[in-house]
């Protein structure tokens, strides 16, 4: 299932990771491991935030997907099921009209 992972990074942990030079390593490692369909980074609510679009095959993938963001950056994590245009069209075609 296609999911959007939103990771809101703890400011102090993020500052530490940037000062130590580990932020690039942490993000590069996450992107290599997770192989997101898309990855976006920017501020939200005054915090560093990243949004990753992932295709998760099983709910058991949630812990290993989120854990590095928790342990390395003390991030708040949200998973949201999402669709692309093709998924939406497929879903709508399954609705009955009557």
Protein backbone atom coordinates (compact mmCIF):
# COMPACT_ATOMS: atom_id res chain seq x y z
CA UNK A 1 0.00 0.00 0.00
CA UNK A 2 1.26 3.43 -0.88
CA UNK A 3 1.88 5.45 2.30
CA UNK A 4 3.10 8.92 3.06
CA UNK A 5 5.52 9.03 5.96
CA UNK A 6 5.72 12.45 7.56
CA UNK A 7 8.64 12.89 9.94
CA UNK A 8 8.70 16.08 11.99
CA UNK A 9 12.20 16.38 13.39
CA UNK A 10 13.00 17.50 16.91
CA UNK A 11 14.76 20.86 16.57
CA UNK A 12 17.52 20.18 19.10
CA UNK A 13 18.27 16.68 17.74
CA UNK A 14 18.24 18.12 14.22
CA UNK A 15 20.63 20.87 15.25
CA UNK A 16 22.96 18.29 16.80
CA UNK A 17 22.83 16.15 13.64
CA UNK A 18 23.63 19.15 11.45
CA UNK A 19 26.47 20.39 13.69
CA UNK A 20 28.03 16.91 13.83
CA UNK A 21 27.64 16.38 10.09
CA UNK A 22 25.38 13.34 10.61
CA UNK A 23 22.19 14.79 9.10
CA UNK A 24 23.33 14.08 5.53
CA UNK A 25 24.36 10.55 6.53
CA UNK A 26 21.05 9.90 8.32
CA UNK A 27 18.91 11.14 5.43
CA UNK A 28 21.02 9.45 2.76
CA UNK A 29 20.81 6.17 4.69
CA UNK A 30 17.04 6.45 5.06
CA UNK A 31 16.54 7.20 1.37
CA UNK A 32 18.81 4.33 0.27
CA UNK A 33 17.09 1.88 2.61
CA UNK A 34 13.49 2.96 2.02
CA UNK A 35 13.73 3.77 -1.70
CA UNK A 36 10.82 6.24 -1.65
CA UNK A 37 8.79 6.96 -4.76
CA UNK A 38 9.21 10.64 -3.84
CA UNK A 39 10.93 12.56 -1.06
CA UNK A 40 10.32 16.17 -0.02
CA UNK A 41 11.89 18.28 2.70
CA UNK A 42 10.86 21.62 4.18
CA UNK A 43 9.57 23.49 7.21
CA UNK A 44 6.15 22.80 8.68
CA UNK A 45 4.91 24.31 11.91
CA UNK A 46 8.36 25.76 12.51
CA UNK A 47 10.07 22.35 12.38
CA UNK A 48 12.22 20.53 9.87
CA UNK A 49 9.95 18.03 8.17
CA UNK A 50 10.30 15.35 5.54
CA UNK A 51 7.58 13.64 3.53
CA UNK A 52 8.33 10.30 1.90
CA UNK A 53 6.01 8.41 -0.42
CA UNK A 54 6.58 4.69 0.13
CA UNK A 55 5.08 1.45 -1.10
CA UNK A 56 4.74 -0.76 1.98
CA UNK A 57 3.77 -4.37 1.34
CA UNK A 58 2.91 -5.22 4.93
CA UNK A 59 2.16 -3.44 8.20
CA UNK A 60 5.17 -5.19 9.75
CA UNK A 61 7.31 -2.75 7.74
CA UNK A 62 6.11 0.19 9.87
CA UNK A 63 8.54 -0.28 12.80
CA UNK A 64 11.76 -0.60 10.78
CA UNK A 65 10.65 2.24 8.52
CA UNK A 66 10.00 4.69 11.36
CA UNK A 67 12.58 3.64 13.94
CA UNK A 68 15.64 5.46 12.53
CA UNK A 69 13.70 8.72 12.55
CA UNK A 70 12.71 8.10 16.19
CA UNK A 71 16.14 7.05 17.43
CA UNK A 72 18.37 9.37 15.37
CA UNK A 73 16.23 12.52 15.27
CA UNK A 74 13.57 12.14 18.00
CA UNK A 75 11.02 12.73 15.23
CA UNK A 76 7.25 12.64 15.41
CA UNK A 77 6.05 10.18 12.77
CA UNK A 78 2.76 9.95 10.91
CA UNK A 79 1.77 7.39 8.29
CA UNK A 80 -1.08 8.25 5.94
CA UNK A 81 -2.44 6.01 3.18
CA UNK A 82 -2.28 7.90 -0.13
CA UNK A 83 -3.10 7.28 -3.78
CA UNK A 84 -1.70 8.47 -7.06
CA UNK A 85 -4.03 9.35 -9.95
CA UNK A 86 -3.98 5.76 -11.27
CA UNK A 87 -4.91 4.36 -7.85
CA UNK A 88 -7.75 6.86 -7.53
CA UNK A 89 -9.11 6.01 -10.96
CA UNK A 90 -8.99 2.29 -10.15
CA UNK A 91 -10.78 2.87 -6.85
CA UNK A 92 -13.48 5.06 -8.33
CA UNK A 93 -14.12 2.50 -11.06
CA UNK A 94 -15.03 -0.02 -8.34
CA UNK A 95 -17.85 2.16 -6.95
CA UNK A 96 -21.32 1.08 -7.84
CA UNK A 97 -23.48 3.70 -9.53
CA UNK A 98 -26.71 2.51 -8.08
